[in-house]
Amino acid sequence: MPKVKTNRGAAKRFKTTGSGKIARNRAFSSHILTKKSTKRKRNLRKSTLVDAANLKQVARLIPYR
């Protein structure tokens, strides 16, 4: 059985926590920031966990995390 290739784009976007969950950065934080409130922009800087609906797909992209 050959080795599975890691999706390099996904490997740069997702990382695994100590407990094995997958963390991601939030979207909507790179431009058109003037209309967004300071509180909203501050919360966009924080990372969060990948939702259960997408977990299986993301885990398949990064098999050797």
PDB file of N, CA and C in Angstrom:
ATOM      1  N   MET A   1       0.850  -1.191   0.000  1.00  0.00           N
ATOM      2  CA  MET A   1       0.000   0.000   0.000  1.00  0.00           C
ATOM      3  C   MET A   1       0.890   1.247   0.000  1.00  0.00           C
ATOM      4  N   PRO A   2       0.736   2.125  -0.976  1.00  0.00           N
ATOM      5  CA  PRO A   2       1.589   3.319  -1.004  1.00  0.00           C
ATOM      6  C   PRO A   2       1.181   4.324   0.077  1.00  0.00           C
ATOM      7  N   LYS A   3       2.128   5.215   0.368  1.00  0.00           N
ATOM      8  CA  LYS A   3       1.839   6.261   1.351  1.00  0.00           C
ATOM      9  C   LYS A   3       0.845   7.260   0.769  1.00  0.00           C
ATOM     10  N   VAL A   4       0.061   7.885   1.643  1.00  0.00           N
ATOM     11  CA  VAL A   4      -0.919   8.877   1.224  1.00  0.00           C
ATOM     12  C   VAL A   4      -0.241  10.242   1.217  1.00  0.00           C
ATOM     13  N   LYS A   5      -0.488  11.031   0.184  1.00  0.00           N
ATOM     14  CA  LYS A   5       0.103  12.367   0.119  1.00  0.00           C
ATOM     15  C   LYS A   5      -0.723  13.359   0.939  1.00  0.00           C
ATOM     16  N   THR A   6      -0.029  14.192   1.692  1.00  0.00           N
ATOM     17  CA  THR A   6      -0.670  15.266   2.435  1.00  0.00           C
ATOM     18  C   THR A   6      -0.990  16.406   1.479  1.00  0.00           C
ATOM     19  N   ASN A   7      -2.171  16.979   1.599  1.00  0.00           N
ATOM     20  CA  ASN A   7      -2.516  18.171   0.832  1.00  0.00           C
ATOM     21  C   ASN A   7      -1.766  19.343   1.455  1.00  0.00           C
ATOM     22  N   ARG A   8      -0.800  19.908   0.712  1.00  0.00           N
ATOM     23  CA  ARG A   8       0.096  20.910   1.283  1.00  0.00           C
ATOM     24  C   ARG A   8      -0.630  22.210   1.623  1.00  0.00           C
ATOM     25  N   GLY A   9      -1.664  22.565   0.847  1.00  0.00           N
ATOM     26  CA  GLY A   9      -2.435  23.757   1.172  1.00  0.00           C
ATOM     27  C   GLY A   9      -3.165  23.606   2.488  1.00  0.00           C
ATOM     28  N   ALA A  10      -3.722  22.413   2.720  1.00  0.00           N
ATOM     29  CA  ALA A  10      -4.437  22.147   3.970  1.00  0.00           C
ATOM     30  C   ALA A  10      -3.463  22.071   5.142  1.00  0.00           C
ATOM     31  N   ALA A  11      -2.272  21.536   4.911  1.00  0.00           N
ATOM     32  CA  ALA A  11      -1.289  21.411   5.987  1.00  0.00           C
ATOM     33  C   ALA A  11      -0.873  22.780   6.512  1.00  0.00           C
ATOM     34  N   LYS A  12      -0.878  23.801   5.641  1.00  0.00           N
ATOM     35  CA  LYS A  12      -0.519  25.148   6.065  1.00  0.00           C
ATOM     36  C   LYS A  12      -1.678  25.854   6.768  1.00  0.00           C
ATOM     37  N   ARG A  13      -2.901  25.423   6.523  1.00  0.00           N
ATOM     38  CA  ARG A  13      -4.075  26.099   7.081  1.00  0.00           C
ATOM     39  C   ARG A  13      -4.579  25.494   8.385  1.00  0.00           C
ATOM     40  N   PHE A  14      -4.315  24.216   8.601  1.00  0.00           N
ATOM     41  CA  PHE A  14      -4.846  23.522   9.776  1.00  0.00           C
ATOM     42  C   PHE A  14      -3.715  22.968  10.611  1.00  0.00           C
ATOM     43  N   LYS A  15      -3.927  22.942  11.934  1.00  0.00           N
ATOM     44  CA  LYS A  15      -2.978  22.283  12.814  1.00  0.00           C
ATOM     45  C   LYS A  15      -3.747  21.482  13.858  1.00  0.00           C
ATOM     46  N   THR A  16      -3.079  20.498  14.413  1.00  0.00           N
ATOM     47  CA  THR A  16      -3.718  19.606  15.370  1.00  0.00           C
ATOM     48  C   THR A  16      -3.423  20.059  16.795  1.00  0.00           C
ATOM     49  N   THR A  17      -4.423  20.039  17.639  1.00  0.00           N
ATOM     50  CA  THR A  17      -4.237  20.382  19.046  1.00  0.00           C
ATOM     51  C   THR A  17      -3.660  19.174  19.783  1.00  0.00           C
ATOM     52  N   GLY A  18      -3.324  19.373  21.026  1.00  0.00           N
ATOM     53  CA  GLY A  18      -2.761  18.292  21.818  1.00  0.00           C
ATOM     54  C   GLY A  18      -3.716  17.140  22.019  1.00  0.00           C
ATOM     55  N   SER A  19      -5.007  17.431  22.045  1.00  0.00           N
ATOM     56  CA  SER A  19      -6.007  16.383  22.254  1.00  0.00           C
ATOM     57  C   SER A  19      -6.449  15.726  20.945  1.00  0.00           C
ATOM     58  N   GLY A  20      -5.877  16.170  19.809  1.00  0.00           N
ATOM     59  CA  GLY A  20      -6.189  15.531  18.532  1.00  0.00           C
ATOM     60  C   GLY A  20      -7.242  16.229  17.700  1.00  0.00           C
ATOM     61  N   LYS A  21      -7.790  17.327  18.208  1.00  0.00           N
ATOM     62  CA  LYS A  21      -8.758  18.081  17.418  1.00  0.00           C
ATOM     63  C   LYS A  21      -8.018  18.942  16.394  1.00  0.00           C
ATOM     64  N   ILE A  22      -8.727  19.429  15.392  1.00  0.00           N
ATOM     65  CA  ILE A  22      -8.105  20.213  14.327  1.00  0.00           C
ATOM     66  C   ILE A  22      -8.507  21.676  14.474  1.00  0.00           C
ATOM     67  N   ALA A  23      -7.497  22.564  14.537  1.00  0.00           N
ATOM     68  CA  ALA A  23      -7.725  23.997  14.688  1.00  0.00           C
ATOM     69  C   ALA A  23      -7.596  24.684  13.344  1.00  0.00           C
ATOM     70  N   ARG A  24      -8.312  25.802  13.199  1.00  0.00           N
ATOM     71  CA  ARG A  24      -8.269  26.581  11.965  1.00  0.00           C
ATOM     72  C   ARG A  24      -8.314  28.055  12.316  1.00  0.00           C
ATOM     73  N   ASN A  25      -7.894  28.903  11.359  1.00  0.00           N
ATOM     74  CA  ASN A  25      -8.029  30.345  11.521  1.00  0.00           C
ATOM     75  C   ASN A  25      -9.368  30.777  10.939  1.00  0.00           C
ATOM     76  N   ARG A  26      -9.859  31.918  11.375  1.00  0.00           N
ATOM     77  CA  ARG A  26     -11.153  32.404  10.921  1.00  0.00           C
ATOM     78  C   ARG A  26     -11.027  33.132   9.592  1.00  0.00           C
ATOM     79  N   ALA A  27     -12.108  33.132   8.828  1.00  0.00           N
ATOM     80  CA  ALA A  27     -12.144  33.825   7.544  1.00  0.00           C
ATOM     81  C   ALA A  27     -12.612  35.267   7.740  1.00  0.00           C
ATOM     82  N   PHE A  28     -12.655  36.033   6.666  1.00  0.00           N
ATOM     83  CA  PHE A  28     -13.172  37.412   6.627  1.00  0.00           C
ATOM     84  C   PHE A  28     -12.312  38.390   7.431  1.00  0.00           C
ATOM     85  N   SER A  29     -10.994  38.191   7.470  1.00  0.00           N
ATOM     86  CA  SER A  29     -10.155  39.073   8.284  1.00  0.00           C
ATOM     87  C   SER A  29      -9.039  39.742   7.497  1.00  0.00           C
ATOM     88  N   SER A  30      -9.041  39.647   6.168  1.00  0.00           N
ATOM     89  CA  SER A  30      -7.892  40.140   5.410  1.00  0.00           C
ATOM     90  C   SER A  30      -8.106  41.492   4.746  1.00  0.00           C
ATOM     91  N   HIS A  31      -9.315  41.825   4.335  1.00  0.00           N
ATOM     92  CA  HIS A  31      -9.534  43.131   3.699  1.00  0.00           C
ATOM     93  C   HIS A  31     -10.982  43.565   3.921  1.00  0.00           C
ATOM     94  N   ILE A  32     -11.289  44.780   3.495  1.00  0.00           N
ATOM     95  CA  ILE A  32     -12.581  45.440   3.778  1.00  0.00           C
ATOM     96  C   ILE A  32     -12.819  45.448   5.295  1.00  0.00           C
ATOM     97  N   LEU A  33     -11.830  45.967   6.021  1.00  0.00           N
ATOM     98  CA  LEU A  33     -11.889  45.939   7.477  1.00  0.00           C
ATOM     99  C   LEU A  33     -12.499  47.210   8.076  1.00  0.00           C
ATOM    100  N   THR A  34     -12.711  48.246   7.270  1.00  0.00           N
ATOM    101  CA  THR A  34     -13.180  49.510   7.828  1.00  0.00           C
ATOM    102  C   THR A  34     -14.600  49.419   8.356  1.00  0.00           C
ATOM    103  N   LYS A  35     -15.434  48.610   7.711  1.00  0.00           N
ATOM    104  CA  LYS A  35     -16.827  48.507   8.161  1.00  0.00           C
ATOM    105  C   LYS A  35     -17.020  47.517   9.300  1.00  0.00           C
ATOM    106  N   LYS A  36     -15.979  46.762   9.628  1.00  0.00           N
ATOM    107  CA  LYS A  36     -16.082  45.794  10.719  1.00  0.00           C
ATOM    108  C   LYS A  36     -15.659  46.449  12.029  1.00  0.00           C
ATOM    109  N   SER A  37     -16.352  46.105  13.093  1.00  0.00           N
ATOM    110  CA  SER A  37     -16.063  46.706  14.384  1.00  0.00           C
ATOM    111  C   SER A  37     -14.747  46.163  14.937  1.00  0.00           C
ATOM    112  N   THR A  38     -14.170  46.913  15.881  1.00  0.00           N
ATOM    113  CA  THR A  38     -12.913  46.505  16.510  1.00  0.00           C
ATOM    114  C   THR A  38     -13.075  45.167  17.230  1.00  0.00           C
ATOM    115  N   LYS A  39     -14.199  44.986  17.882  1.00  0.00           N
ATOM    116  CA  LYS A  39     -14.465  43.732  18.600  1.00  0.00           C
ATOM    117  C   LYS A  39     -14.530  42.557  17.632  1.00  0.00           C
ATOM    118  N   ARG A  40     -15.192  42.783  16.492  1.00  0.00           N
ATOM    119  CA  ARG A  40     -15.313  41.718  15.497  1.00  0.00           C
ATOM    120  C   ARG A  40     -13.950  41.348  14.920  1.00  0.00           C
ATOM    121  N   LYS A  41     -13.125  42.358  14.618  1.00  0.00           N
ATOM    122  CA  LYS A  41     -11.792  42.107  14.071  1.00  0.00           C
ATOM    123  C   LYS A  41     -10.900  41.396  15.087  1.00  0.00           C
ATOM    124  N   ARG A  42     -11.024  41.776  16.360  1.00  0.00           N
ATOM    125  CA  ARG A  42     -10.243  41.140  17.410  1.00  0.00           C
ATOM    126  C   ARG A  42     -10.609  39.664  17.540  1.00  0.00           C
ATOM    127  N   ASN A  43     -11.902  39.355  17.455  1.00  0.00           N
ATOM    128  CA  ASN A  43     -12.342  37.962  17.546  1.00  0.00           C
ATOM    129  C   ASN A  43     -11.955  37.148  16.321  1.00  0.00           C
ATOM    130  N   LEU A  44     -11.793  37.795  15.171  1.00  0.00           N
ATOM    131  CA  LEU A  44     -11.376  37.094  13.960  1.00  0.00           C
ATOM    132  C   LEU A  44      -9.918  36.659  14.042  1.00  0.00           C
ATOM    133  N   ARG A  45      -9.127  37.315  14.896  1.00  0.00           N
ATOM    134  CA  ARG A  45      -7.717  36.939  15.045  1.00  0.00           C
ATOM    135  C   ARG A  45      -7.558  35.612  15.779  1.00  0.00           C
ATOM    136  N   LYS A  46      -8.537  35.231  16.554  1.00  0.00           N
ATOM    137  CA  LYS A  46      -8.444  34.003  17.341  1.00  0.00           C
ATOM    138  C   LYS A  46      -8.731  32.786  16.465  1.00  0.00           C
ATOM    139  N   SER A  47      -8.045  31.695  16.758  1.00  0.00           N
ATOM    140  CA  SER A  47      -8.319  30.462  16.021  1.00  0.00           C
ATOM    141  C   SER A  47      -9.475  29.734  16.688  1.00  0.00           C
ATOM    142  N   THR A  48     -10.039  28.786  15.950  1.00  0.00           N
ATOM    143  CA  THR A  48     -11.163  28.003  16.476  1.00  0.00           C
ATOM    144  C   THR A  48     -11.034  26.588  15.955  1.00  0.00           C
ATOM    145  N   LEU A  49     -11.902  25.706  16.397  1.00  0.00           N
ATOM    146  CA  LEU A  49     -11.851  24.312  15.975  1.00  0.00           C
ATOM    147  C   LEU A  49     -12.680  24.101  14.715  1.00  0.00           C
ATOM    148  N   VAL A  50     -12.278  23.114  13.932  1.00  0.00           N
ATOM    149  CA  VAL A  50     -13.028  22.762  12.726  1.00  0.00           C
ATOM    150  C   VAL A  50     -14.356  22.144  13.159  1.00  0.00           C
ATOM    151  N   ASP A  51     -15.431  22.527  12.498  1.00  0.00           N
ATOM    152  CA  ASP A  51     -16.763  22.049  12.839  1.00  0.00           C
ATOM    153  C   ASP A  51     -16.885  20.552  12.558  1.00  0.00           C
ATOM    154  N   ALA A  52     -17.768  19.892  13.280  1.00  0.00           N
ATOM    155  CA  ALA A  52     -17.962  18.449  13.139  1.00  0.00           C
ATOM    156  C   ALA A  52     -18.391  18.057  11.728  1.00  0.00           C
ATOM    157  N   ALA A  53     -19.116  18.956  11.044  1.00  0.00           N
ATOM    158  CA  ALA A  53     -19.593  18.663   9.697  1.00  0.00           C
ATOM    159  C   ALA A  53     -18.437  18.556   8.701  1.00  0.00           C
ATOM    160  N   ASN A  54     -17.328  19.267   8.939  1.00  0.00           N
ATOM    161  CA  ASN A  54     -16.196  19.279   8.014  1.00  0.00           C
ATOM    162  C   ASN A  54     -14.998  18.494   8.513  1.00  0.00           C
ATOM    163  N   LEU A  55     -15.098  17.919   9.699  1.00  0.00           N
ATOM    164  CA  LEU A  55     -13.939  17.293  10.339  1.00  0.00           C
ATOM    165  C   LEU A  55     -13.391  16.128   9.536  1.00  0.00           C
ATOM    166  N   LYS A  56     -14.260  15.268   9.027  1.00  0.00           N
ATOM    167  CA  LYS A  56     -13.811  14.097   8.292  1.00  0.00           C
ATOM    168  C   LYS A  56     -13.093  14.477   7.001  1.00  0.00           C
ATOM    169  N   GLN A  57     -13.604  15.500   6.310  1.00  0.00           N
ATOM    170  CA  GLN A  57     -12.979  15.952   5.061  1.00  0.00           C
ATOM    171  C   GLN A  57     -11.606  16.540   5.319  1.00  0.00           C
ATOM    172  N   VAL A  58     -11.481  17.367   6.349  1.00  0.00           N
ATOM    173  CA  VAL A  58     -10.192  18.001   6.660  1.00  0.00           C
ATOM    174  C   VAL A  58      -9.198  16.959   7.132  1.00  0.00           C
ATOM    175  N   ALA A  59      -9.638  16.017   7.947  1.00  0.00           N
ATOM    176  CA  ALA A  59      -8.749  14.975   8.455  1.00  0.00           C
ATOM    177  C   ALA A  59      -8.191  14.119   7.335  1.00  0.00           C
ATOM    178  N   ARG A  60      -8.961  13.936   6.288  1.00  0.00           N
ATOM    179  CA  ARG A  60      -8.494  13.162   5.129  1.00  0.00           C
ATOM    180  C   ARG A  60      -7.398  13.914   4.364  1.00  0.00           C
ATOM    181  N   LEU A  61      -7.442  15.244   4.391  1.00  0.00           N
ATOM    182  CA  LEU A  61      -6.436  16.044   3.688  1.00  0.00           C
ATOM    183  C   LEU A  61      -5.098  16.053   4.402  1.00  0.00           C
ATOM    184  N   ILE A  62      -5.105  15.895   5.724  1.00  0.00           N
ATOM    185  CA  ILE A  62      -3.857  15.899   6.491  1.00  0.00           C
ATOM    186  C   ILE A  62      -3.731  14.595   7.273  1.00  0.00           C
ATOM    187  N   PRO A  63      -3.374  13.494   6.602  1.00  0.00           N
ATOM    188  CA  PRO A  63      -3.386  12.184   7.241  1.00  0.00           C
ATOM    189  C   PRO A  63      -2.308  11.990   8.295  1.00  0.00           C
ATOM    190  N   TYR A  64      -1.160  12.655   8.190  1.00  0.00           N
ATOM    191  CA  TYR A  64      -0.061  12.412   9.121  1.00  0.00           C
ATOM    192  C   TYR A  64       0.123  13.565  10.093  1.00  0.00           C
ATOM    193  N   ARG A  65      -0.982  14.120  10.574  1.00  0.00           N
ATOM    194  CA  ARG A  65      -0.897  15.259  11.469  1.00  0.00           C
ATOM    195  C   ARG A  65      -0.361  14.844  12.784  1.00  0.00           C
TER     196      ARG A  65
END
